[in-house]
Structures are given as structure tokens and as C-alpha cells.
């Protein structure tokens, strides 16, 4: 089915691992991290993830608390259609894009 979990591990061992499990009949596309605000500390924000609901032939967009993956989603947007697995991506804030003409040229 694909990936069914999103996990967060503190490489310094100060926090317990956190895991969100989408379910047996599901697959999760690559999540995107979105900070709560421009000056948020590292990891303080949200994970957006598209989950394939295979039996229902549709998808959900999940909004998860990046600091508490063990908790239920903050929000679930039920999409009425099935979309293909998403590829890789990055989140850029308005501040980061301000004045940029070609963001991709820097990467």
C-alpha cells in the first residue's frame, strides 16, 4: 500500500518518538512542514499530508501538529476524489518569496 506512518525522532534523545498512523487501507504522501509563523522555533508548526483512502477511492488532506504527532489531526479535509501520490515539495513563506523572481534557481 505504501507508507502508512509519519514519525518524528529527536536525534538527541530528549523527546520520545512520535508517530501518526493513517490506517491499514491508507498511504501517506510526503508531508510538508509549515511553520506556525515566520519566527517560530524549529519544529513548531504543522505537517500537511495527503492520505490515500484506498477502499473509498478518495483522499484526505491532514493537518497535524508537528510537535504532537501522537495526537489526532488538527483538521481533516475530505477530498471527494482520488488524486495520485504527490511528489517532493517545499514550503516557502511569503517573507521568503518576497522579491524573488525565480526561487528554483537557488536550489
PDB file of N, CA and C in Angstrom:
ATOM      1  N   UNK A   1       0.812  -1.209   0.000  1.00  0.00           N
ATOM      2  CA  UNK A   1       0.000   0.000   0.000  1.00  0.00           C
ATOM      3  C   UNK A   1       0.850   1.266   0.000  1.00  0.00           C
ATOM      4  N   UNK A   2       2.053   1.244   0.494  1.00  0.00           N
ATOM      5  CA  UNK A   2       2.867   2.448   0.601  1.00  0.00           C
ATOM      6  C   UNK A   2       3.116   2.798   2.050  1.00  0.00           C
ATOM      7  N   UNK A   3       3.517   4.019   2.280  1.00  0.00           N
ATOM      8  CA  UNK A   3       3.806   4.479   3.637  1.00  0.00           C
ATOM      9  C   UNK A   3       2.505   4.727   4.387  1.00  0.00           C
ATOM     10  N   UNK A   4       2.458   4.274   5.639  1.00  0.00           N
ATOM     11  CA  UNK A   4       1.251   4.427   6.447  1.00  0.00           C
ATOM     12  C   UNK A   4       1.489   5.208   7.729  1.00  0.00           C
ATOM     13  N   UNK A   5       2.727   5.626   7.975  1.00  0.00           N
ATOM     14  CA  UNK A   5       3.080   6.318   9.201  1.00  0.00           C
ATOM     15  C   UNK A   5       3.843   7.595   8.885  1.00  0.00           C
ATOM     16  N   UNK A   6       3.720   8.552   9.786  1.00  0.00           N
ATOM     17  CA  UNK A   6       4.596   9.720   9.827  1.00  0.00           C
ATOM     18  C   UNK A   6       5.219   9.690  11.207  1.00  0.00           C
ATOM     19  N   UNK A   7       6.536   9.803  11.277  1.00  0.00           N
ATOM     20  CA  UNK A   7       7.226   9.717  12.566  1.00  0.00           C
ATOM     21  C   UNK A   7       8.178  10.890  12.745  1.00  0.00           C
ATOM     22  N   UNK A   8       8.389  11.234  13.998  1.00  0.00           N
ATOM     23  CA  UNK A   8       9.338  12.277  14.363  1.00  0.00           C
ATOM     24  C   UNK A   8      10.230  11.716  15.468  1.00  0.00           C
ATOM     25  N   UNK A   9      11.537  11.851  15.261  1.00  0.00           N
ATOM     26  CA  UNK A   9      12.502  11.348  16.231  1.00  0.00           C
ATOM     27  C   UNK A   9      13.473  12.452  16.610  1.00  0.00           C
ATOM     28  N   UNK A  10      13.716  12.620  17.894  1.00  0.00           N
ATOM     29  CA  UNK A  10      14.706  13.563  18.391  1.00  0.00           C
ATOM     30  C   UNK A  10      16.050  12.842  18.399  1.00  0.00           C
ATOM     31  N   UNK A  11      16.947  13.241  17.537  1.00  0.00           N
ATOM     32  CA  UNK A  11      18.238  12.556  17.422  1.00  0.00           C
ATOM     33  C   UNK A  11      19.093  12.718  18.673  1.00  0.00           C
ATOM     34  N   UNK A  12      18.760  13.701  19.518  1.00  0.00           N
ATOM     35  CA  UNK A  12      19.486  13.886  20.778  1.00  0.00           C
ATOM     36  C   UNK A  12      18.881  13.088  21.925  1.00  0.00           C
ATOM     37  N   UNK A  13      17.740  12.457  21.687  1.00  0.00           N
ATOM     38  CA  UNK A  13      17.108  11.607  22.693  1.00  0.00           C
ATOM     39  C   UNK A  13      16.406  12.339  23.820  1.00  0.00           C
ATOM     40  N   UNK A  14      16.118  13.614  23.653  1.00  0.00           N
ATOM     41  CA  UNK A  14      15.450  14.372  24.719  1.00  0.00           C
ATOM     42  C   UNK A  14      13.931  14.233  24.696  1.00  0.00           C
ATOM     43  N   UNK A  15      13.391  13.840  23.545  1.00  0.00           N
ATOM     44  CA  UNK A  15      11.939  13.658  23.422  1.00  0.00           C
ATOM     45  C   UNK A  15      11.656  12.252  22.935  1.00  0.00           C
ATOM     46  N   UNK A  16      10.547  11.726  23.369  1.00  0.00           N
ATOM     47  CA  UNK A  16      10.105  10.411  22.901  1.00  0.00           C
ATOM     48  C   UNK A  16       9.729  10.489  21.428  1.00  0.00           C
ATOM     49  N   UNK A  17       9.928   9.404  20.673  1.00  0.00           N
ATOM     50  CA  UNK A  17       9.468   9.392  19.272  1.00  0.00           C
ATOM     51  C   UNK A  17       7.957   9.619  19.209  1.00  0.00           C
ATOM     52  N   UNK A  18       7.516  10.248  18.133  1.00  0.00           N
ATOM     53  CA  UNK A  18       6.099  10.499  17.906  1.00  0.00           C
ATOM     54  C   UNK A  18       5.711   9.844  16.593  1.00  0.00           C
ATOM     55  N   UNK A  19       4.531   9.243  16.568  1.00  0.00           N
ATOM     56  CA  UNK A  19       4.100   8.525  15.364  1.00  0.00           C
ATOM     57  C   UNK A  19       2.624   8.786  15.102  1.00  0.00           C
ATOM     58  N   UNK A  20       2.312   9.114  13.845  1.00  0.00           N
ATOM     59  CA  UNK A  20       0.918   9.162  13.399  1.00  0.00           C
ATOM     60  C   UNK A  20       0.713   8.005  12.435  1.00  0.00           C
ATOM     61  N   UNK A  21      -0.302   7.187  12.703  1.00  0.00           N
ATOM     62  CA  UNK A  21      -0.621   6.034  11.856  1.00  0.00           C
ATOM     63  C   UNK A  21      -1.923   6.313  11.127  1.00  0.00           C
ATOM     64  N   UNK A  22      -1.905   6.250   9.797  1.00  0.00           N
ATOM     65  CA  UNK A  22      -3.073   6.607   8.983  1.00  0.00           C
ATOM     66  C   UNK A  22      -4.094   5.482   8.856  1.00  0.00           C
ATOM     67  N   UNK A  23      -3.668   4.230   8.997  1.00  0.00           N
ATOM     68  CA  UNK A  23      -4.591   3.110   8.882  1.00  0.00           C
ATOM     69  C   UNK A  23      -4.105   2.066   7.896  1.00  0.00           C
ATOM     70  N   UNK A  24      -4.685   0.868   7.995  1.00  0.00           N
ATOM     71  CA  UNK A  24      -4.262  -0.258   7.167  1.00  0.00           C
ATOM     72  C   UNK A  24      -4.531  -0.057   5.678  1.00  0.00           C
ATOM     73  N   UNK A  25      -5.641   0.577   5.338  1.00  0.00           N
ATOM     74  CA  UNK A  25      -6.026   0.716   3.933  1.00  0.00           C
ATOM     75  C   UNK A  25      -5.606   2.062   3.348  1.00  0.00           C
ATOM     76  N   UNK A  26      -4.572   2.678   3.925  1.00  0.00           N
ATOM     77  CA  UNK A  26      -4.180   4.027   3.549  1.00  0.00           C
ATOM     78  C   UNK A  26      -2.718   4.103   3.138  1.00  0.00           C
ATOM     79  N   UNK A  27      -2.386   5.177   2.450  1.00  0.00           N
ATOM     80  CA  UNK A  27      -0.988   5.502   2.189  1.00  0.00           C
ATOM     81  C   UNK A  27      -0.829   7.010   2.307  1.00  0.00           C
ATOM     82  N   UNK A  28       0.313   7.424   2.856  1.00  0.00           N
ATOM     83  CA  UNK A  28       0.582   8.834   3.099  1.00  0.00           C
ATOM     84  C   UNK A  28       1.639   9.320   2.116  1.00  0.00           C
ATOM     85  N   UNK A  29       1.343  10.413   1.445  1.00  0.00           N
ATOM     86  CA  UNK A  29       2.337  11.059   0.590  1.00  0.00           C
ATOM     87  C   UNK A  29       3.286  11.871   1.463  1.00  0.00           C
ATOM     88  N   UNK A  30       4.371  12.342   0.862  1.00  0.00           N
ATOM     89  CA  UNK A  30       5.373  13.096   1.614  1.00  0.00           C
ATOM     90  C   UNK A  30       4.738  14.301   2.298  1.00  0.00           C
ATOM     91  N   UNK A  31       4.870  14.398   3.630  1.00  0.00           N
ATOM     92  CA  UNK A  31       4.300  15.551   4.322  1.00  0.00           C
ATOM     93  C   UNK A  31       5.140  16.802   4.096  1.00  0.00           C
ATOM     94  N   UNK A  32       4.480  17.944   4.223  1.00  0.00           N
ATOM     95  CA  UNK A  32       5.144  19.245   4.114  1.00  0.00           C
ATOM     96  C   UNK A  32       5.060  19.949   5.455  1.00  0.00           C
ATOM     97  N   UNK A  33       6.197  20.454   5.940  1.00  0.00           N
ATOM     98  CA  UNK A  33       6.217  21.205   7.191  1.00  0.00           C
ATOM     99  C   UNK A  33       5.915  22.667   6.909  1.00  0.00           C
ATOM    100  N   UNK A  34       5.024  23.244   7.721  1.00  0.00           N
ATOM    101  CA  UNK A  34       4.669  24.659   7.618  1.00  0.00           C
ATOM    102  C   UNK A  34       4.844  25.267   9.008  1.00  0.00           C
ATOM    103  N   UNK A  35       5.780  26.221   9.174  1.00  0.00           N
ATOM    104  CA  UNK A  35       5.955  26.836  10.492  1.00  0.00           C
ATOM    105  C   UNK A  35       4.723  27.628  10.903  1.00  0.00           C
ATOM    106  N   UNK A  36       4.494  27.749  12.232  1.00  0.00           N
ATOM    107  CA  UNK A  36       3.338  28.492  12.724  1.00  0.00           C
ATOM    108  C   UNK A  36       3.407  29.967  12.338  1.00  0.00           C
ATOM    109  N   UNK A  37       4.611  30.516  12.320  1.00  0.00           N
ATOM    110  CA  UNK A  37       4.816  31.904  11.911  1.00  0.00           C
ATOM    111  C   UNK A  37       6.288  32.067  11.540  1.00  0.00           C
ATOM    112  N   UNK A  38       6.637  33.218  11.000  1.00  0.00           N
ATOM    113  CA  UNK A  38       7.986  33.438  10.481  1.00  0.00           C
ATOM    114  C   UNK A  38       9.095  33.265  11.514  1.00  0.00           C
ATOM    115  N   UNK A  39       8.807  33.544  12.774  1.00  0.00           N
ATOM    116  CA  UNK A  39       9.852  33.452  13.794  1.00  0.00           C
ATOM    117  C   UNK A  39       9.673  32.242  14.707  1.00  0.00           C
ATOM    118  N   UNK A  40       8.874  31.283  14.280  1.00  0.00           N
ATOM    119  CA  UNK A  40       8.632  30.079  15.095  1.00  0.00           C
ATOM    120  C   UNK A  40       9.923  29.282  15.268  1.00  0.00           C
ATOM    121  N   UNK A  41      10.139  28.705  16.459  1.00  0.00           N
ATOM    122  CA  UNK A  41      11.312  27.850  16.640  1.00  0.00           C
ATOM    123  C   UNK A  41      11.227  26.605  15.761  1.00  0.00           C
ATOM    124  N   UNK A  42      12.359  25.990  15.541  1.00  0.00           N
ATOM    125  CA  UNK A  42      12.402  24.791  14.696  1.00  0.00           C
ATOM    126  C   UNK A  42      11.407  23.749  15.195  1.00  0.00           C
ATOM    127  N   UNK A  43      10.624  23.213  14.259  1.00  0.00           N
ATOM    128  CA  UNK A  43       9.659  22.169  14.576  1.00  0.00           C
ATOM    129  C   UNK A  43       8.326  22.659  15.090  1.00  0.00           C
ATOM    130  N   UNK A  44       8.166  23.959  15.314  1.00  0.00           N
ATOM    131  CA  UNK A  44       6.912  24.500  15.829  1.00  0.00           C
ATOM    132  C   UNK A  44       6.028  24.878  14.645  1.00  0.00           C
ATOM    133  N   UNK A  45       5.112  23.999  14.316  1.00  0.00           N
ATOM    134  CA  UNK A  45       4.254  24.259  13.169  1.00  0.00           C
ATOM    135  C   UNK A  45       3.364  23.071  12.862  1.00  0.00           C
ATOM    136  N   UNK A  46       3.085  22.900  11.604  1.00  0.00           N
ATOM    137  CA  UNK A  46       2.120  21.905  11.145  1.00  0.00           C
ATOM    138  C   UNK A  46       2.732  21.012  10.074  1.00  0.00           C
ATOM    139  N   UNK A  47       2.237  19.808  10.001  1.00  0.00           N
ATOM    140  CA  UNK A  47       2.550  18.922   8.882  1.00  0.00           C
ATOM    141  C   UNK A  47       1.282  18.776   8.059  1.00  0.00           C
ATOM    142  N   UNK A  48       1.397  19.031   6.762  1.00  0.00           N
ATOM    143  CA  UNK A  48       0.291  18.811   5.832  1.00  0.00           C
ATOM    144  C   UNK A  48       0.597  17.536   5.078  1.00  0.00           C
ATOM    145  N   UNK A  49      -0.341  16.619   5.045  1.00  0.00           N
ATOM    146  CA  UNK A  49      -0.109  15.338   4.380  1.00  0.00           C
ATOM    147  C   UNK A  49      -1.373  14.891   3.669  1.00  0.00           C
ATOM    148  N   UNK A  50      -1.200  14.395   2.445  1.00  0.00           N
ATOM    149  CA  UNK A  50      -2.311  13.815   1.696  1.00  0.00           C
ATOM    150  C   UNK A  50      -2.315  12.316   1.973  1.00  0.00           C
ATOM    151  N   UNK A  51      -3.478  11.811   2.378  1.00  0.00           N
ATOM    152  CA  UNK A  51      -3.631  10.389   2.704  1.00  0.00           C
ATOM    153  C   UNK A  51      -4.583   9.757   1.697  1.00  0.00           C
ATOM    154  N   UNK A  52      -4.123   8.697   1.060  1.00  0.00           N
ATOM    155  CA  UNK A  52      -4.972   7.943   0.147  1.00  0.00           C
ATOM    156  C   UNK A  52      -5.849   6.981   0.932  1.00  0.00           C
ATOM    157  N   UNK A  53      -7.141   7.073   0.761  1.00  0.00           N
ATOM    158  CA  UNK A  53      -8.113   6.157   1.385  1.00  0.00           C
ATOM    159  C   UNK A  53      -8.518   5.166   0.292  1.00  0.00           C
ATOM    160  N   UNK A  54      -7.771   4.071   0.189  1.00  0.00           N
ATOM    161  CA  UNK A  54      -7.871   3.169  -0.953  1.00  0.00           C
ATOM    162  C   UNK A  54      -9.229   2.499  -1.101  1.00  0.00           C
ATOM    163  N   UNK A  55      -9.805   2.035  -0.035  1.00  0.00           N
ATOM    164  CA  UNK A  55     -11.116   1.359  -0.139  1.00  0.00           C
ATOM    165  C   UNK A  55     -12.204   2.313  -0.618  1.00  0.00           C
ATOM    166  N   UNK A  56     -12.059   3.586  -0.251  1.00  0.00           N
ATOM    167  CA  UNK A  56     -13.067   4.586  -0.617  1.00  0.00           C
ATOM    168  C   UNK A  56     -12.743   5.298  -1.928  1.00  0.00           C
ATOM    169  N   UNK A  57     -11.553   5.041  -2.491  1.00  0.00           N
ATOM    170  CA  UNK A  57     -11.110   5.669  -3.741  1.00  0.00           C
ATOM    171  C   UNK A  57     -11.148   7.201  -3.655  1.00  0.00           C
ATOM    172  N   UNK A  58     -10.584   7.728  -2.573  1.00  0.00           N
ATOM    173  CA  UNK A  58     -10.523   9.176  -2.389  1.00  0.00           C
ATOM    174  C   UNK A  58      -9.335   9.507  -1.493  1.00  0.00           C
ATOM    175  N   UNK A  59      -9.146  10.798  -1.210  1.00  0.00           N
ATOM    176  CA  UNK A  59      -8.046  11.258  -0.372  1.00  0.00           C
ATOM    177  C   UNK A  59      -8.531  12.204   0.705  1.00  0.00           C
ATOM    178  N   UNK A  60      -7.721  12.331   1.749  1.00  0.00           N
ATOM    179  CA  UNK A  60      -7.892  13.347   2.779  1.00  0.00           C
ATOM    180  C   UNK A  60      -6.630  14.187   2.819  1.00  0.00           C
ATOM    181  N   UNK A  61      -6.787  15.458   3.138  1.00  0.00           N
ATOM    182  CA  UNK A  61      -5.663  16.307   3.474  1.00  0.00           C
ATOM    183  C   UNK A  61      -5.672  16.441   4.989  1.00  0.00           C
ATOM    184  N   UNK A  62      -4.591  16.007   5.626  1.00  0.00           N
ATOM    185  CA  UNK A  62      -4.488  16.085   7.085  1.00  0.00           C
ATOM    186  C   UNK A  62      -3.633  17.274   7.478  1.00  0.00           C
ATOM    187  N   UNK A  63      -4.027  17.932   8.548  1.00  0.00           N
ATOM    188  CA  UNK A  63      -3.204  18.964   9.170  1.00  0.00           C
ATOM    189  C   UNK A  63      -2.874  18.448  10.564  1.00  0.00           C
ATOM    190  N   UNK A  64      -1.583  18.184  10.783  1.00  0.00           N
ATOM    191  CA  UNK A  64      -1.112  17.606  12.034  1.00  0.00           C
ATOM    192  C   UNK A  64      -0.258  18.613  12.790  1.00  0.00           C
ATOM    193  N   UNK A  65      -0.286  18.542  14.121  1.00  0.00           N
ATOM    194  CA  UNK A  65       0.602  19.338  14.960  1.00  0.00           C
ATOM    195  C   UNK A  65       1.979  18.690  14.903  1.00  0.00           C
ATOM    196  N   UNK A  66       2.955  19.381  14.340  1.00  0.00           N
ATOM    197  CA  UNK A  66       4.285  18.798  14.152  1.00  0.00           C
ATOM    198  C   UNK A  66       4.954  18.429  15.468  1.00  0.00           C
ATOM    199  N   UNK A  67       4.593  19.062  16.555  1.00  0.00           N
ATOM    200  CA  UNK A  67       5.185  18.752  17.861  1.00  0.00           C
ATOM    201  C   UNK A  67       4.435  17.654  18.604  1.00  0.00           C
ATOM    202  N   UNK A  68       3.283  17.249  18.085  1.00  0.00           N
ATOM    203  CA  UNK A  68       2.491  16.227  18.777  1.00  0.00           C
ATOM    204  C   UNK A  68       1.831  15.304  17.753  1.00  0.00           C
ATOM    205  N   UNK A  69       2.637  14.490  17.087  1.00  0.00           N
ATOM    206  CA  UNK A  69       2.098  13.580  16.076  1.00  0.00           C
ATOM    207  C   UNK A  69       1.263  12.465  16.686  1.00  0.00           C
ATOM    208  N   UNK A  70       1.410  12.220  17.986  1.00  0.00           N
ATOM    209  CA  UNK A  70       0.608  11.190  18.645  1.00  0.00           C
ATOM    210  C   UNK A  70      -0.855  11.610  18.780  1.00  0.00           C
ATOM    211  N   UNK A  71      -1.128  12.892  18.656  1.00  0.00           N
ATOM    212  CA  UNK A  71      -2.497  13.409  18.788  1.00  0.00           C
ATOM    213  C   UNK A  71      -3.273  13.221  17.486  1.00  0.00           C
ATOM    214  N   UNK A  72      -4.587  13.240  17.570  1.00  0.00           N
ATOM    215  CA  UNK A  72      -5.392  13.207  16.332  1.00  0.00           C
ATOM    216  C   UNK A  72      -5.100  14.441  15.482  1.00  0.00           C
ATOM    217  N   UNK A  73      -5.413  14.405  14.199  1.00  0.00           N
ATOM    218  CA  UNK A  73      -5.191  15.571  13.345  1.00  0.00           C
ATOM    219  C   UNK A  73      -5.916  16.809  13.870  1.00  0.00           C
ATOM    220  N   UNK A  74      -5.312  17.966  13.647  1.00  0.00           N
ATOM    221  CA  UNK A  74      -5.967  19.228  13.973  1.00  0.00           C
ATOM    222  C   UNK A  74      -7.183  19.399  13.071  1.00  0.00           C
ATOM    223  N   UNK A  75      -7.018  19.009  11.810  1.00  0.00           N
ATOM    224  CA  UNK A  75      -8.119  19.087  10.843  1.00  0.00           C
ATOM    225  C   UNK A  75      -7.934  18.016   9.781  1.00  0.00           C
ATOM    226  N   UNK A  76      -9.049  17.545   9.253  1.00  0.00           N
ATOM    227  CA  UNK A  76      -9.054  16.608   8.136  1.00  0.00           C
ATOM    228  C   UNK A  76      -9.981  17.176   7.068  1.00  0.00           C
ATOM    229  N   UNK A  77      -9.430  17.377   5.883  1.00  0.00           N
ATOM    230  CA  UNK A  77     -10.224  17.873   4.756  1.00  0.00           C
ATOM    231  C   UNK A  77     -10.491  16.671   3.850  1.00  0.00           C
ATOM    232  N   UNK A  78     -11.735  16.230   3.811  1.00  0.00           N
ATOM    233  CA  UNK A  78     -12.117  15.084   2.984  1.00  0.00           C
ATOM    234  C   UNK A  78     -12.241  15.541   1.536  1.00  0.00           C
ATOM    235  N   UNK A  79     -11.370  15.032   0.690  1.00  0.00           N
ATOM    236  CA  UNK A  79     -11.420  15.364  -0.730  1.00  0.00           C
ATOM    237  C   UNK A  79     -12.376  14.391  -1.419  1.00  0.00           C
ATOM    238  N   UNK A  80     -13.233  14.862  -2.281  1.00  0.00           N
ATOM    239  CA  UNK A  80     -14.240  13.993  -2.883  1.00  0.00           C
ATOM    240  C   UNK A  80     -13.706  13.127  -4.022  1.00  0.00           C
ATOM    241  N   UNK A  81     -12.411  13.230  -4.301  1.00  0.00           N
ATOM    242  CA  UNK A  81     -11.830  12.482  -5.412  1.00  0.00           C
ATOM    243  C   UNK A  81     -10.549  11.802  -4.959  1.00  0.00           C
ATOM    244  N   UNK A  82     -10.052  10.929  -5.785  1.00  0.00           N
ATOM    245  CA  UNK A  82      -8.753  10.299  -5.550  1.00  0.00           C
ATOM    246  C   UNK A  82      -7.722  11.033  -6.392  1.00  0.00           C
ATOM    247  N   UNK A  83      -6.620  11.414  -5.768  1.00  0.00           N
ATOM    248  CA  UNK A  83      -5.528  12.041  -6.505  1.00  0.00           C
ATOM    249  C   UNK A  83      -4.309  11.137  -6.414  1.00  0.00           C
ATOM    250  N   UNK A  84      -3.448  11.232  -7.382  1.00  0.00           N
ATOM    251  CA  UNK A  84      -2.232  10.415  -7.377  1.00  0.00           C
ATOM    252  C   UNK A  84      -1.321  10.848  -6.239  1.00  0.00           C
ATOM    253  N   UNK A  85      -0.416   9.938  -5.861  1.00  0.00           N
ATOM    254  CA  UNK A  85       0.561  10.288  -4.842  1.00  0.00           C
ATOM    255  C   UNK A  85       1.318  11.532  -5.268  1.00  0.00           C
ATOM    256  N   UNK A  86       1.577  12.386  -4.296  1.00  0.00           N
ATOM    257  CA  UNK A  86       2.280  13.629  -4.597  1.00  0.00           C
ATOM    258  C   UNK A  86       3.784  13.400  -4.598  1.00  0.00           C
ATOM    259  N   UNK A  87       4.475  14.290  -5.251  1.00  0.00           N
ATOM    260  CA  UNK A  87       5.934  14.208  -5.305  1.00  0.00           C
ATOM    261  C   UNK A  87       6.572  15.002  -4.191  1.00  0.00           C
ATOM    262  N   UNK A  88       7.810  15.338  -4.381  1.00  0.00           N
ATOM    263  CA  UNK A  88       8.536  16.106  -3.381  1.00  0.00           C
ATOM    264  C   UNK A  88       8.161  17.574  -3.500  1.00  0.00           C
ATOM    265  N   UNK A  89       8.305  18.294  -2.408  1.00  0.00           N
ATOM    266  CA  UNK A  89       7.976  19.703  -2.432  1.00  0.00           C
ATOM    267  C   UNK A  89       8.585  20.436  -1.251  1.00  0.00           C
ATOM    268  N   UNK A  90       8.444  21.730  -1.270  1.00  0.00           N
ATOM    269  CA  UNK A  90       8.941  22.598  -0.204  1.00  0.00           C
ATOM    270  C   UNK A  90       7.897  23.654   0.094  1.00  0.00           C
ATOM    271  N   UNK A  91       7.883  24.118   1.338  1.00  0.00           N
ATOM    272  CA  UNK A  91       7.005  25.200   1.725  1.00  0.00           C
ATOM    273  C   UNK A  91       7.829  26.467   1.815  1.00  0.00           C
ATOM    274  N   UNK A  92       7.371  27.528   1.174  1.00  0.00           N
ATOM    275  CA  UNK A  92       8.021  28.834   1.262  1.00  0.00           C
ATOM    276  C   UNK A  92       7.023  29.831   1.805  1.00  0.00           C
ATOM    277  N   UNK A  93       7.436  30.604   2.789  1.00  0.00           N
ATOM    278  CA  UNK A  93       6.563  31.638   3.341  1.00  0.00           C
ATOM    279  C   UNK A  93       6.542  32.845   2.409  1.00  0.00           C
ATOM    280  N   UNK A  94       5.591  33.732   2.626  1.00  0.00           N
ATOM    281  CA  UNK A  94       5.517  34.966   1.850  1.00  0.00           C
ATOM    282  C   UNK A  94       6.793  35.775   2.036  1.00  0.00           C
ATOM    283  N   UNK A  95       7.314  35.809   3.260  1.00  0.00           N
ATOM    284  CA  UNK A  95       8.546  36.545   3.535  1.00  0.00           C
ATOM    285  C   UNK A  95       9.702  35.986   2.713  1.00  0.00           C
ATOM    286  N   UNK A  96       9.799  34.662   2.625  1.00  0.00           N
ATOM    287  CA  UNK A  96      10.883  34.047   1.866  1.00  0.00           C
ATOM    288  C   UNK A  96      10.765  34.335   0.368  1.00  0.00           C
ATOM    289  N   UNK A  97       9.551  34.459  -0.116  1.00  0.00           N
ATOM    290  CA  UNK A  97       9.334  34.690  -1.547  1.00  0.00           C
ATOM    291  C   UNK A  97       9.340  36.163  -1.934  1.00  0.00           C
ATOM    292  N   UNK A  98       9.280  37.044  -0.961  1.00  0.00           N
ATOM    293  CA  UNK A  98       9.204  38.471  -1.233  1.00  0.00           C
ATOM    294  C   UNK A  98      10.380  38.923  -2.099  1.00  0.00           C
ATOM    295  N   UNK A  99      10.059  39.470  -3.261  1.00  0.00           N
ATOM    296  CA  UNK A  99      11.075  39.974  -4.168  1.00  0.00           C
ATOM    297  C   UNK A  99      11.764  38.924  -5.020  1.00  0.00           C
ATOM    298  N   UNK A 100      11.445  37.666  -4.831  1.00  0.00           N
ATOM    299  CA  UNK A 100      12.072  36.600  -5.616  1.00  0.00           C
ATOM    300  C   UNK A 100      11.441  36.506  -7.000  1.00  0.00           C
ATOM    301  N   UNK A 101      12.277  36.291  -7.994  1.00  0.00           N
ATOM    302  CA  UNK A 101      11.776  36.088  -9.356  1.00  0.00           C
ATOM    303  C   UNK A 101      11.821  34.619  -9.753  1.00  0.00           C
ATOM    304  N   UNK A 102      12.838  33.927  -9.272  1.00  0.00           N
ATOM    305  CA  UNK A 102      12.992  32.522  -9.632  1.00  0.00           C
ATOM    306  C   UNK A 102      13.521  31.766  -8.429  1.00  0.00           C
ATOM    307  N   UNK A 103      12.626  31.302  -7.588  1.00  0.00           N
ATOM    308  CA  UNK A 103      13.006  30.617  -6.357  1.00  0.00           C
ATOM    309  C   UNK A 103      13.765  29.343  -6.665  1.00  0.00           C
ATOM    310  N   UNK A 104      13.393  28.629  -7.722  1.00  0.00           N
ATOM    311  CA  UNK A 104      14.020  27.348  -8.042  1.00  0.00           C
ATOM    312  C   UNK A 104      15.491  27.494  -8.401  1.00  0.00           C
ATOM    313  N   UNK A 105      15.946  28.638  -8.859  1.00  0.00           N
ATOM    314  CA  UNK A 105      17.334  28.792  -9.276  1.00  0.00           C
ATOM    315  C   UNK A 105      18.316  28.701  -8.115  1.00  0.00           C
ATOM    316  N   UNK A 106      17.840  28.934  -6.886  1.00  0.00           N
ATOM    317  CA  UNK A 106      18.711  28.873  -5.715  1.00  0.00           C
ATOM    318  C   UNK A 106      18.865  27.467  -5.160  1.00  0.00           C
ATOM    319  N   UNK A 107      18.159  26.480  -5.694  1.00  0.00           N
ATOM    320  CA  UNK A 107      18.156  25.141  -5.087  1.00  0.00           C
ATOM    321  C   UNK A 107      18.737  24.117  -6.000  1.00  0.00           C
TER     322      UNK A 107
END
